[in-house]
mmCIF file of all heavy atoms, coordinates in Angstrom:
data_MODEL
# 
_entry.id   MODEL 
# 
loop_
_atom_site.group_PDB 
_atom_site.id 
_atom_site.type_symbol 
_atom_site.label_atom_id 
_atom_site.label_alt_id 
_atom_site.label_comp_id 
_atom_site.label_asym_id 
_atom_site.label_entity_id 
_atom_site.label_seq_id 
_atom_site.pdbx_PDB_ins_code 
_atom_site.Cartn_x 
_atom_site.Cartn_y 
_atom_site.Cartn_z 
_atom_site.occupancy 
_atom_site.B_iso_or_equiv 
_atom_site.pdbx_formal_charge 
_atom_site.auth_seq_id 
_atom_site.auth_comp_id 
_atom_site.auth_asym_id 
_atom_site.auth_atom_id 
_atom_site.pdbx_PDB_model_num 
ATOM 1   N N   . LEU A 1 1  ? -2.201  22.529 20.697  1.00 0.00 ? 1  LEU A N   1 
ATOM 2   C CA  . LEU A 1 1  ? -2.653  21.248 20.593  1.00 0.00 ? 1  LEU A CA  1 
ATOM 3   C C   . LEU A 1 1  ? -1.618  20.353 19.822  1.00 0.00 ? 1  LEU A C   1 
ATOM 4   O O   . LEU A 1 1  ? -1.328  20.686 18.735  1.00 0.00 ? 1  LEU A O   1 
ATOM 5   C CB  . LEU A 1 1  ? -4.039  21.317 19.836  1.00 0.00 ? 1  LEU A CB  1 
ATOM 6   C CG  . LEU A 1 1  ? -4.613  19.825 19.503  1.00 0.00 ? 1  LEU A CG  1 
ATOM 7   C CD1 . LEU A 1 1  ? -5.115  19.235 20.867  1.00 0.00 ? 1  LEU A CD1 1 
ATOM 8   C CD2 . LEU A 1 1  ? -5.762  19.953 18.497  1.00 0.00 ? 1  LEU A CD2 1 
ATOM 9   N N   . LEU A 1 2  ? -1.126  19.349 20.548  1.00 0.00 ? 2  LEU A N   1 
ATOM 10  C CA  . LEU A 1 2  ? -0.167  18.409 20.020  1.00 0.00 ? 2  LEU A CA  1 
ATOM 11  C C   . LEU A 1 2  ? -0.942  17.096 19.562  1.00 0.00 ? 2  LEU A C   1 
ATOM 12  O O   . LEU A 1 2  ? -1.712  16.575 20.323  1.00 0.00 ? 2  LEU A O   1 
ATOM 13  C CB  . LEU A 1 2  ? 0.900   18.071 21.027  1.00 0.00 ? 2  LEU A CB  1 
ATOM 14  C CG  . LEU A 1 2  ? 1.729   19.361 21.463  1.00 0.00 ? 2  LEU A CG  1 
ATOM 15  C CD1 . LEU A 1 2  ? 2.666   18.962 22.627  1.00 0.00 ? 2  LEU A CD1 1 
ATOM 16  C CD2 . LEU A 1 2  ? 2.589   19.944 20.302  1.00 0.00 ? 2  LEU A CD2 1 
ATOM 17  N N   . PHE A 1 3  ? -0.677  16.634 18.346  1.00 0.00 ? 3  PHE A N   1 
ATOM 18  C CA  . PHE A 1 3  ? -1.297  15.465 17.943  1.00 0.00 ? 3  PHE A CA  1 
ATOM 19  C C   . PHE A 1 3  ? -0.453  14.674 17.058  1.00 0.00 ? 3  PHE A C   1 
ATOM 20  O O   . PHE A 1 3  ? 0.490   15.291 16.467  1.00 0.00 ? 3  PHE A O   1 
ATOM 21  C CB  . PHE A 1 3  ? -2.657  15.687 17.369  1.00 0.00 ? 3  PHE A CB  1 
ATOM 22  C CG  . PHE A 1 3  ? -2.618  16.529 16.163  1.00 0.00 ? 3  PHE A CG  1 
ATOM 23  C CD1 . PHE A 1 3  ? -2.567  16.089 14.838  1.00 0.00 ? 3  PHE A CD1 1 
ATOM 24  C CD2 . PHE A 1 3  ? -2.706  17.946 16.242  1.00 0.00 ? 3  PHE A CD2 1 
ATOM 25  C CE1 . PHE A 1 3  ? -2.648  16.831 13.728  1.00 0.00 ? 3  PHE A CE1 1 
ATOM 26  C CE2 . PHE A 1 3  ? -2.697  18.787 15.160  1.00 0.00 ? 3  PHE A CE2 1 
ATOM 27  C CZ  . PHE A 1 3  ? -2.657  18.273 13.945  1.00 0.00 ? 3  PHE A CZ  1 
ATOM 28  N N   . ASN A 1 4  ? -0.632  13.329 16.794  1.00 0.00 ? 4  ASN A N   1 
ATOM 29  C CA  . ASN A 1 4  ? 0.099   12.612 15.946  1.00 0.00 ? 4  ASN A CA  1 
ATOM 30  C C   . ASN A 1 4  ? -0.798  12.217 14.757  1.00 0.00 ? 4  ASN A C   1 
ATOM 31  O O   . ASN A 1 4  ? -2.021  12.241 14.786  1.00 0.00 ? 4  ASN A O   1 
ATOM 32  C CB  . ASN A 1 4  ? 0.649   11.265 16.636  1.00 0.00 ? 4  ASN A CB  1 
ATOM 33  C CG  . ASN A 1 4  ? -0.421  10.453 17.255  1.00 0.00 ? 4  ASN A CG  1 
ATOM 34  O OD1 . ASN A 1 4  ? -1.378  11.024 17.888  1.00 0.00 ? 4  ASN A OD1 1 
ATOM 35  N ND2 . ASN A 1 4  ? -0.338  9.225  17.249  1.00 0.00 ? 4  ASN A ND2 1 
ATOM 36  N N   . ILE A 1 5  ? -0.088  11.937 13.611  1.00 0.00 ? 5  ILE A N   1 
ATOM 37  C CA  . ILE A 1 5  ? -0.709  11.566 12.395  1.00 0.00 ? 5  ILE A CA  1 
ATOM 38  C C   . ILE A 1 5  ? -0.827  9.937  12.362  1.00 0.00 ? 5  ILE A C   1 
ATOM 39  O O   . ILE A 1 5  ? 0.149   9.243  12.614  1.00 0.00 ? 5  ILE A O   1 
ATOM 40  C CB  . ILE A 1 5  ? -0.019  12.014 11.135  1.00 0.00 ? 5  ILE A CB  1 
ATOM 41  C CG1 . ILE A 1 5  ? -0.064  13.526 11.125  1.00 0.00 ? 5  ILE A CG1 1 
ATOM 42  C CG2 . ILE A 1 5  ? -0.651  11.504 9.888   1.00 0.00 ? 5  ILE A CG2 1 
ATOM 43  C CD1 . ILE A 1 5  ? -1.324  14.197 11.056  1.00 0.00 ? 5  ILE A CD1 1 
ATOM 44  N N   . LEU A 1 6  ? -2.096  9.483  12.107  1.00 0.00 ? 6  LEU A N   1 
ATOM 45  C CA  . LEU A 1 6  ? -2.355  8.078  12.155  1.00 0.00 ? 6  LEU A CA  1 
ATOM 46  C C   . LEU A 1 6  ? -2.193  7.342  10.790  1.00 0.00 ? 6  LEU A C   1 
ATOM 47  O O   . LEU A 1 6  ? -1.771  6.225  10.773  1.00 0.00 ? 6  LEU A O   1 
ATOM 48  C CB  . LEU A 1 6  ? -3.758  7.867  12.693  1.00 0.00 ? 6  LEU A CB  1 
ATOM 49  C CG  . LEU A 1 6  ? -4.112  8.495  14.055  1.00 0.00 ? 6  LEU A CG  1 
ATOM 50  C CD1 . LEU A 1 6  ? -5.450  8.304  14.447  1.00 0.00 ? 6  LEU A CD1 1 
ATOM 51  C CD2 . LEU A 1 6  ? -3.167  7.801  15.121  1.00 0.00 ? 6  LEU A CD2 1 
ATOM 52  N N   . ASP A 1 7  ? -2.565  8.014  9.808   1.00 0.00 ? 7  ASP A N   1 
ATOM 53  C CA  . ASP A 1 7  ? -2.597  7.382  8.385   1.00 0.00 ? 7  ASP A CA  1 
ATOM 54  C C   . ASP A 1 7  ? -2.727  8.466  7.407   1.00 0.00 ? 7  ASP A C   1 
ATOM 55  O O   . ASP A 1 7  ? -3.010  9.699  7.709   1.00 0.00 ? 7  ASP A O   1 
ATOM 56  C CB  . ASP A 1 7  ? -3.678  6.429  8.339   1.00 0.00 ? 7  ASP A CB  1 
ATOM 57  C CG  . ASP A 1 7  ? -3.348  5.216  7.406   1.00 0.00 ? 7  ASP A CG  1 
ATOM 58  O OD1 . ASP A 1 7  ? -2.419  5.368  6.657   1.00 0.00 ? 7  ASP A OD1 1 
ATOM 59  O OD2 . ASP A 1 7  ? -4.179  4.287  7.358   1.00 0.00 ? 7  ASP A OD2 1 
ATOM 60  N N   . THR A 1 8  ? -2.620  8.026  6.113   1.00 0.00 ? 8  THR A N   1 
ATOM 61  C CA  . THR A 1 8  ? -2.818  8.915  4.975   1.00 0.00 ? 8  THR A CA  1 
ATOM 62  C C   . THR A 1 8  ? -3.669  8.288  3.906   1.00 0.00 ? 8  THR A C   1 
ATOM 63  O O   . THR A 1 8  ? -3.616  7.094  3.859   1.00 0.00 ? 8  THR A O   1 
ATOM 64  C CB  . THR A 1 8  ? -1.491  9.454  4.434   1.00 0.00 ? 8  THR A CB  1 
ATOM 65  O OG1 . THR A 1 8  ? -0.874  8.311  3.817   1.00 0.00 ? 8  THR A OG1 1 
ATOM 66  C CG2 . THR A 1 8  ? -0.551  10.097 5.401   1.00 0.00 ? 8  THR A CG2 1 
ATOM 67  N N   . THR A 1 9  ? -4.291  9.105  3.160   1.00 0.00 ? 9  THR A N   1 
ATOM 68  C CA  . THR A 1 9  ? -4.845  8.736  1.862   1.00 0.00 ? 9  THR A CA  1 
ATOM 69  C C   . THR A 1 9  ? -4.204  9.546  0.810   1.00 0.00 ? 9  THR A C   1 
ATOM 70  O O   . THR A 1 9  ? -4.127  10.711 0.854   1.00 0.00 ? 9  THR A O   1 
ATOM 71  C CB  . THR A 1 9  ? -6.332  9.024  1.771   1.00 0.00 ? 9  THR A CB  1 
ATOM 72  O OG1 . THR A 1 9  ? -7.079  8.108  2.724   1.00 0.00 ? 9  THR A OG1 1 
ATOM 73  C CG2 . THR A 1 9  ? -6.937  8.699  0.382   1.00 0.00 ? 9  THR A CG2 1 
ATOM 74  N N   . ARG A 1 10 ? -3.555  8.840  -0.168  1.00 0.00 ? 10 ARG A N   1 
ATOM 75  C CA  . ARG A 1 10 ? -2.784  9.453  -1.243  1.00 0.00 ? 10 ARG A CA  1 
ATOM 76  C C   . ARG A 1 10 ? -3.499  9.309  -2.681  1.00 0.00 ? 10 ARG A C   1 
ATOM 77  O O   . ARG A 1 10 ? -3.911  8.082  -2.869  1.00 0.00 ? 10 ARG A O   1 
ATOM 78  C CB  . ARG A 1 10 ? -1.390  8.943  -1.318  1.00 0.00 ? 10 ARG A CB  1 
ATOM 79  C CG  . ARG A 1 10 ? -0.579  9.360  -0.047  1.00 0.00 ? 10 ARG A CG  1 
ATOM 80  C CD  . ARG A 1 10 ? 0.690   8.652  -0.018  1.00 0.00 ? 10 ARG A CD  1 
ATOM 81  N NE  . ARG A 1 10 ? 1.536   8.949  -1.158  1.00 0.00 ? 10 ARG A NE  1 
ATOM 82  C CZ  . ARG A 1 10 ? 2.932   9.028  -1.133  1.00 0.00 ? 10 ARG A CZ  1 
ATOM 83  N NH1 . ARG A 1 10 ? 3.588   8.600  -0.098  1.00 0.00 ? 10 ARG A NH1 1 
ATOM 84  N NH2 . ARG A 1 10 ? 3.586   9.303  -2.290  1.00 0.00 ? 10 ARG A NH2 1 
ATOM 85  N N   . PHE A 1 11 ? -3.617  10.270 -3.330  1.00 0.00 ? 11 PHE A N   1 
ATOM 86  C CA  . PHE A 1 11 ? -4.251  10.161 -4.695  1.00 0.00 ? 11 PHE A CA  1 
ATOM 87  C C   . PHE A 1 11 ? -3.159  9.947  -5.698  1.00 0.00 ? 11 PHE A C   1 
ATOM 88  O O   . PHE A 1 11 ? -2.910  10.706 -6.601  1.00 0.00 ? 11 PHE A O   1 
ATOM 89  C CB  . PHE A 1 11 ? -5.048  11.410 -4.985  1.00 0.00 ? 11 PHE A CB  1 
ATOM 90  C CG  . PHE A 1 11 ? -6.259  11.490 -4.083  1.00 0.00 ? 11 PHE A CG  1 
ATOM 91  C CD1 . PHE A 1 11 ? -6.118  12.126 -2.779  1.00 0.00 ? 11 PHE A CD1 1 
ATOM 92  C CD2 . PHE A 1 11 ? -7.462  10.958 -4.355  1.00 0.00 ? 11 PHE A CD2 1 
ATOM 93  C CE1 . PHE A 1 11 ? -7.162  12.303 -1.903  1.00 0.00 ? 11 PHE A CE1 1 
ATOM 94  C CE2 . PHE A 1 11 ? -8.506  11.046 -3.549  1.00 0.00 ? 11 PHE A CE2 1 
ATOM 95  C CZ  . PHE A 1 11 ? -8.432  11.755 -2.373  1.00 0.00 ? 11 PHE A CZ  1 
ATOM 96  N N   . ASP A 1 12 ? -2.443  8.833  -5.549  1.00 0.00 ? 12 ASP A N   1 
ATOM 97  C CA  . ASP A 1 12 ? -1.353  8.480  -6.453  1.00 0.00 ? 12 ASP A CA  1 
ATOM 98  C C   . ASP A 1 12 ? -1.852  7.336  -7.320  1.00 0.00 ? 12 ASP A C   1 
ATOM 99  O O   . ASP A 1 12 ? -2.823  6.649  -7.106  1.00 0.00 ? 12 ASP A O   1 
ATOM 100 C CB  . ASP A 1 12 ? -0.159  7.922  -5.662  1.00 0.00 ? 12 ASP A CB  1 
ATOM 101 C CG  . ASP A 1 12 ? 0.646   9.170  -5.105  1.00 0.00 ? 12 ASP A CG  1 
ATOM 102 O OD1 . ASP A 1 12 ? 0.357   10.330 -5.499  1.00 0.00 ? 12 ASP A OD1 1 
ATOM 103 O OD2 . ASP A 1 12 ? 1.407   8.904  -4.209  1.00 0.00 ? 12 ASP A OD2 1 
ATOM 104 N N   . THR A 1 13 ? -1.042  7.083  -8.425  1.00 0.00 ? 13 THR A N   1 
ATOM 105 C CA  . THR A 1 13 ? -1.565  6.010  -9.338  1.00 0.00 ? 13 THR A CA  1 
ATOM 106 C C   . THR A 1 13 ? -0.415  4.877  -9.381  1.00 0.00 ? 13 THR A C   1 
ATOM 107 O O   . THR A 1 13 ? 0.755   5.102  -9.014  1.00 0.00 ? 13 THR A O   1 
ATOM 108 C CB  . THR A 1 13 ? -1.577  6.605  -10.801 1.00 0.00 ? 13 THR A CB  1 
ATOM 109 O OG1 . THR A 1 13 ? -0.250  7.061  -11.149 1.00 0.00 ? 13 THR A OG1 1 
ATOM 110 C CG2 . THR A 1 13 ? -2.602  7.713  -10.925 1.00 0.00 ? 13 THR A CG2 1 
ATOM 111 N N   . HIS A 1 14 ? -0.899  3.668  -9.671  1.00 0.00 ? 14 HIS A N   1 
ATOM 112 C CA  . HIS A 1 14 ? 0.033   2.600  -9.903  1.00 0.00 ? 14 HIS A CA  1 
ATOM 113 C C   . HIS A 1 14 ? 0.548   2.730  -11.285 1.00 0.00 ? 14 HIS A C   1 
ATOM 114 O O   . HIS A 1 14 ? -0.046  3.457  -12.086 1.00 0.00 ? 14 HIS A O   1 
ATOM 115 C CB  . HIS A 1 14 ? -0.820  1.291  -9.601  1.00 0.00 ? 14 HIS A CB  1 
ATOM 116 C CG  . HIS A 1 14 ? -1.301  1.188  -8.293  1.00 0.00 ? 14 HIS A CG  1 
ATOM 117 N ND1 . HIS A 1 14 ? -0.519  1.036  -7.093  1.00 0.00 ? 14 HIS A ND1 1 
ATOM 118 C CD2 . HIS A 1 14 ? -2.562  1.113  -7.727  1.00 0.00 ? 14 HIS A CD2 1 
ATOM 119 C CE1 . HIS A 1 14 ? -1.234  0.901  -6.087  1.00 0.00 ? 14 HIS A CE1 1 
ATOM 120 N NE2 . HIS A 1 14 ? -2.504  0.939  -6.446  1.00 0.00 ? 14 HIS A NE2 1 
ATOM 121 N N   . ALA A 1 15 ? 1.532   1.964  -11.571 1.00 0.00 ? 15 ALA A N   1 
ATOM 122 C CA  . ALA A 1 15 ? 2.134   1.914  -12.956 1.00 0.00 ? 15 ALA A CA  1 
ATOM 123 C C   . ALA A 1 15 ? 1.066   1.431  -13.946 1.00 0.00 ? 15 ALA A C   1 
ATOM 124 O O   . ALA A 1 15 ? 0.397   0.421  -13.748 1.00 0.00 ? 15 ALA A O   1 
ATOM 125 C CB  . ALA A 1 15 ? 3.301   1.080  -12.925 1.00 0.00 ? 15 ALA A CB  1 
ATOM 126 N N   . LEU A 1 16 ? 0.911   2.155  -15.004 1.00 0.00 ? 16 LEU A N   1 
ATOM 127 C CA  . LEU A 1 16 ? -0.067  1.797  -16.057 1.00 0.00 ? 16 LEU A CA  1 
ATOM 128 C C   . LEU A 1 16 ? 0.685   0.971  -17.149 1.00 0.00 ? 16 LEU A C   1 
ATOM 129 O O   . LEU A 1 16 ? 1.811   1.185  -17.348 1.00 0.00 ? 16 LEU A O   1 
ATOM 130 C CB  . LEU A 1 16 ? -0.646  3.056  -16.680 1.00 0.00 ? 16 LEU A CB  1 
ATOM 131 C CG  . LEU A 1 16 ? -1.483  3.940  -15.702 1.00 0.00 ? 16 LEU A CG  1 
ATOM 132 C CD1 . LEU A 1 16 ? -2.000  5.182  -16.458 1.00 0.00 ? 16 LEU A CD1 1 
ATOM 133 C CD2 . LEU A 1 16 ? -2.667  3.245  -15.075 1.00 0.00 ? 16 LEU A CD2 1 
ATOM 134 N N   . PRO A 1 17 ? -0.098  0.178  -17.781 1.00 0.00 ? 17 PRO A N   1 
ATOM 135 C CA  . PRO A 1 17 ? 0.528   -0.694 -18.871 1.00 0.00 ? 17 PRO A CA  1 
ATOM 136 C C   . PRO A 1 17 ? 0.779   0.158  -20.043 1.00 0.00 ? 17 PRO A C   1 
ATOM 137 O O   . PRO A 1 17 ? 0.174   1.263  -20.302 1.00 0.00 ? 17 PRO A O   1 
ATOM 138 C CB  . PRO A 1 17 ? -0.573  -1.699 -19.229 1.00 0.00 ? 17 PRO A CB  1 
ATOM 139 C CG  . PRO A 1 17 ? -1.840  -1.023 -18.733 1.00 0.00 ? 17 PRO A CG  1 
ATOM 140 C CD  . PRO A 1 17 ? -1.495  -0.294 -17.587 1.00 0.00 ? 17 PRO A CD  1 
ATOM 141 N N   . GLU A 1 18 ? 1.779   -0.177 -20.920 1.00 0.00 ? 18 GLU A N   1 
ATOM 142 C CA  . GLU A 1 18 ? 2.092   0.617  -22.079 1.00 0.00 ? 18 GLU A CA  1 
ATOM 143 C C   . GLU A 1 18 ? 0.957   0.512  -23.088 1.00 0.00 ? 18 GLU A C   1 
ATOM 144 O O   . GLU A 1 18 ? 0.727   1.569  -23.837 1.00 0.00 ? 18 GLU A O   1 
ATOM 145 C CB  . GLU A 1 18 ? 3.382   0.129  -22.767 1.00 0.00 ? 18 GLU A CB  1 
ATOM 146 C CG  . GLU A 1 18 ? 4.587   0.422  -21.893 1.00 0.00 ? 18 GLU A CG  1 
ATOM 147 C CD  . GLU A 1 18 ? 5.915   0.035  -22.526 1.00 0.00 ? 18 GLU A CD  1 
ATOM 148 O OE1 . GLU A 1 18 ? 5.840   -0.208 -23.841 1.00 0.00 ? 18 GLU A OE1 1 
ATOM 149 O OE2 . GLU A 1 18 ? 6.965   -0.056 -21.938 1.00 0.00 ? 18 GLU A OE2 1 
ATOM 150 N N   . THR A 1 19 ? 0.344   -0.550 -23.237 1.00 0.00 ? 19 THR A N   1 
ATOM 151 C CA  . THR A 1 19 ? -0.926  -0.713 -24.043 1.00 0.00 ? 19 THR A CA  1 
ATOM 152 C C   . THR A 1 19 ? -2.015  -1.390 -23.222 1.00 0.00 ? 19 THR A C   1 
ATOM 153 O O   . THR A 1 19 ? -1.757  -2.061 -22.337 1.00 0.00 ? 19 THR A O   1 
ATOM 154 C CB  . THR A 1 19 ? -0.537  -1.495 -25.276 1.00 0.00 ? 19 THR A CB  1 
ATOM 155 O OG1 . THR A 1 19 ? -0.152  -2.806 -24.917 1.00 0.00 ? 19 THR A OG1 1 
ATOM 156 C CG2 . THR A 1 19 ? 0.477   -0.853 -26.181 1.00 0.00 ? 19 THR A CG2 1 
ATOM 157 N N   . LEU A 1 20 ? -3.231  -1.150 -23.667 1.00 0.00 ? 20 LEU A N   1 
ATOM 158 C CA  . LEU A 1 20 ? -4.393  -1.799 -22.947 1.00 0.00 ? 20 LEU A CA  1 
ATOM 159 C C   . LEU A 1 20 ? -4.649  -3.190 -23.546 1.00 0.00 ? 20 LEU A C   1 
ATOM 160 O O   . LEU A 1 20 ? -4.282  -3.422 -24.707 1.00 0.00 ? 20 LEU A O   1 
ATOM 161 C CB  . LEU A 1 20 ? -5.634  -0.877 -23.109 1.00 0.00 ? 20 LEU A CB  1 
ATOM 162 C CG  . LEU A 1 20 ? -5.639  0.511  -22.396 1.00 0.00 ? 20 LEU A CG  1 
ATOM 163 C CD1 . LEU A 1 20 ? -6.901  1.210  -22.647 1.00 0.00 ? 20 LEU A CD1 1 
ATOM 164 C CD2 . LEU A 1 20 ? -5.287  0.345  -20.871 1.00 0.00 ? 20 LEU A CD2 1 
ATOM 165 N N   . PRO A 1 21 ? -5.278  -4.071 -22.819 1.00 0.00 ? 21 PRO A N   1 
ATOM 166 C CA  . PRO A 1 21 ? -5.740  -5.293 -23.259 1.00 0.00 ? 21 PRO A CA  1 
ATOM 167 C C   . PRO A 1 21 ? -6.654  -5.133 -24.424 1.00 0.00 ? 21 PRO A C   1 
ATOM 168 O O   . PRO A 1 21 ? -7.409  -4.115 -24.568 1.00 0.00 ? 21 PRO A O   1 
ATOM 169 C CB  . PRO A 1 21 ? -6.447  -6.001 -22.110 1.00 0.00 ? 21 PRO A CB  1 
ATOM 170 C CG  . PRO A 1 21 ? -5.898  -5.302 -20.870 1.00 0.00 ? 21 PRO A CG  1 
ATOM 171 C CD  . PRO A 1 21 ? -5.566  -3.928 -21.338 1.00 0.00 ? 21 PRO A CD  1 
ATOM 172 N N   . GLU A 1 22 ? -6.611  -6.065 -25.521 1.00 0.00 ? 22 GLU A N   1 
ATOM 173 C CA  . GLU A 1 22 ? -7.382  -5.934 -26.678 1.00 0.00 ? 22 GLU A CA  1 
ATOM 174 C C   . GLU A 1 22 ? -8.867  -5.813 -26.434 1.00 0.00 ? 22 GLU A C   1 
ATOM 175 O O   . GLU A 1 22 ? -9.622  -5.202 -27.204 1.00 0.00 ? 22 GLU A O   1 
ATOM 176 C CB  . GLU A 1 22 ? -7.020  -7.089 -27.709 1.00 0.00 ? 22 GLU A CB  1 
ATOM 177 C CG  . GLU A 1 22 ? -5.643  -6.967 -28.191 1.00 0.00 ? 22 GLU A CG  1 
ATOM 178 C CD  . GLU A 1 22 ? -5.331  -8.139 -29.279 1.00 0.00 ? 22 GLU A CD  1 
ATOM 179 O OE1 . GLU A 1 22 ? -6.341  -8.836 -29.506 1.00 0.00 ? 22 GLU A OE1 1 
ATOM 180 O OE2 . GLU A 1 22 ? -4.250  -8.191 -29.721 1.00 0.00 ? 22 GLU A OE2 1 
ATOM 181 N N   . ASP A 1 23 ? -9.362  -6.508 -25.343 1.00 0.00 ? 23 ASP A N   1 
ATOM 182 C CA  . ASP A 1 23 ? -10.714 -6.464 -25.109 1.00 0.00 ? 23 ASP A CA  1 
ATOM 183 C C   . ASP A 1 23 ? -11.261 -5.275 -24.300 1.00 0.00 ? 23 ASP A C   1 
ATOM 184 O O   . ASP A 1 23 ? -12.411 -5.356 -23.846 1.00 0.00 ? 23 ASP A O   1 
ATOM 185 C CB  . ASP A 1 23 ? -11.135 -7.842 -24.449 1.00 0.00 ? 23 ASP A CB  1 
ATOM 186 C CG  . ASP A 1 23 ? -10.411 -8.019 -23.074 1.00 0.00 ? 23 ASP A CG  1 
ATOM 187 O OD1 . ASP A 1 23 ? -9.434  -7.286 -22.796 1.00 0.00 ? 23 ASP A OD1 1 
ATOM 188 O OD2 . ASP A 1 23 ? -10.817 -8.902 -22.303 1.00 0.00 ? 23 ASP A OD2 1 
ATOM 189 N N   . SER A 1 24 ? -10.375 -4.331 -24.052 1.00 0.00 ? 24 SER A N   1 
ATOM 190 C CA  . SER A 1 24 ? -10.789 -3.144 -23.287 1.00 0.00 ? 24 SER A CA  1 
ATOM 191 C C   . SER A 1 24 ? -11.961 -2.463 -24.002 1.00 0.00 ? 24 SER A C   1 
ATOM 192 O O   . SER A 1 24 ? -11.978 -2.312 -25.215 1.00 0.00 ? 24 SER A O   1 
ATOM 193 C CB  . SER A 1 24 ? -9.641  -2.277 -23.097 1.00 0.00 ? 24 SER A CB  1 
ATOM 194 O OG  . SER A 1 24 ? -8.667  -2.813 -22.399 1.00 0.00 ? 24 SER A OG  1 
ATOM 195 N N   . HIS A 1 25 ? -12.813 -1.938 -23.169 1.00 0.00 ? 25 HIS A N   1 
ATOM 196 C CA  . HIS A 1 25 ? -13.931 -1.178 -23.744 1.00 0.00 ? 25 HIS A CA  1 
ATOM 197 C C   . HIS A 1 25 ? -13.441 0.054  -24.541 1.00 0.00 ? 25 HIS A C   1 
ATOM 198 O O   . HIS A 1 25 ? -12.373 0.612  -24.137 1.00 0.00 ? 25 HIS A O   1 
ATOM 199 C CB  . HIS A 1 25 ? -14.909 -0.727 -22.634 1.00 0.00 ? 25 HIS A CB  1 
ATOM 200 C CG  . HIS A 1 25 ? -16.222 -0.258 -23.029 1.00 0.00 ? 25 HIS A CG  1 
ATOM 201 N ND1 . HIS A 1 25 ? -16.410 1.013  -23.630 1.00 0.00 ? 25 HIS A ND1 1 
ATOM 202 C CD2 . HIS A 1 25 ? -17.425 -0.905 -23.162 1.00 0.00 ? 25 HIS A CD2 1 
ATOM 203 C CE1 . HIS A 1 25 ? -17.658 1.125  -23.970 1.00 0.00 ? 25 HIS A CE1 1 
ATOM 204 N NE2 . HIS A 1 25 ? -18.351 0.010  -23.628 1.00 0.00 ? 25 HIS A NE2 1 
ATOM 205 N N   . GLU A 1 26 ? -14.210 0.428  -25.564 1.00 0.00 ? 26 GLU A N   1 
ATOM 206 C CA  . GLU A 1 26 ? -13.833 1.529  -26.443 1.00 0.00 ? 26 GLU A CA  1 
ATOM 207 C C   . GLU A 1 26 ? -13.578 2.809  -25.688 1.00 0.00 ? 26 GLU A C   1 
ATOM 208 O O   . GLU A 1 26 ? -12.656 3.583  -25.906 1.00 0.00 ? 26 GLU A O   1 
ATOM 209 C CB  . GLU A 1 26 ? -14.805 1.734  -27.442 1.00 0.00 ? 26 GLU A CB  1 
ATOM 210 C CG  . GLU A 1 26 ? -14.494 2.909  -28.451 1.00 0.00 ? 26 GLU A CG  1 
ATOM 211 C CD  . GLU A 1 26 ? -15.608 3.143  -29.417 1.00 0.00 ? 26 GLU A CD  1 
ATOM 212 O OE1 . GLU A 1 26 ? -16.702 2.490  -29.351 1.00 0.00 ? 26 GLU A OE1 1 
ATOM 213 O OE2 . GLU A 1 26 ? -15.511 3.985  -30.271 1.00 0.00 ? 26 GLU A OE2 1 
ATOM 214 N N   . LEU A 1 27 ? -14.512 3.078  -24.581 1.00 0.00 ? 27 LEU A N   1 
ATOM 215 C CA  . LEU A 1 27 ? -14.339 4.404  -23.851 1.00 0.00 ? 27 LEU A CA  1 
ATOM 216 C C   . LEU A 1 27 ? -13.047 4.307  -22.975 1.00 0.00 ? 27 LEU A C   1 
ATOM 217 O O   . LEU A 1 27 ? -12.429 5.406  -22.812 1.00 0.00 ? 27 LEU A O   1 
ATOM 218 C CB  . LEU A 1 27 ? -15.561 4.554  -22.978 1.00 0.00 ? 27 LEU A CB  1 
ATOM 219 C CG  . LEU A 1 27 ? -16.852 4.883  -23.712 1.00 0.00 ? 27 LEU A CG  1 
ATOM 220 C CD1 . LEU A 1 27 ? -18.015 5.025  -22.705 1.00 0.00 ? 27 LEU A CD1 1 
ATOM 221 C CD2 . LEU A 1 27 ? -16.651 6.328  -24.373 1.00 0.00 ? 27 LEU A CD2 1 
ATOM 222 N N   . ILE A 1 28 ? -12.680 3.239  -22.446 1.00 0.00 ? 28 ILE A N   1 
ATOM 223 C CA  . ILE A 1 28 ? -11.402 3.105  -21.672 1.00 0.00 ? 28 ILE A CA  1 
ATOM 224 C C   . ILE A 1 28 ? -10.255 3.392  -22.657 1.00 0.00 ? 28 ILE A C   1 
ATOM 225 O O   . ILE A 1 28 ? -9.356  4.060  -22.280 1.00 0.00 ? 28 ILE A O   1 
ATOM 226 C CB  . ILE A 1 28 ? -11.301 1.761  -21.036 1.00 0.00 ? 28 ILE A CB  1 
ATOM 227 C CG1 . ILE A 1 28 ? -12.445 1.566  -20.015 1.00 0.00 ? 28 ILE A CG1 1 
ATOM 228 C CG2 . ILE A 1 28 ? -9.955  1.611  -20.282 1.00 0.00 ? 28 ILE A CG2 1 
ATOM 229 C CD1 . ILE A 1 28 ? -12.443 0.211  -19.298 1.00 0.00 ? 28 ILE A CD1 1 
# 
């Protein structure tokens, strides 16, 4: 069975800030 790949889903992260905004919730 020959088939082509149409798309992907990747569980990658975007660049995170070095520090969080001051108003971020305590749990975050």
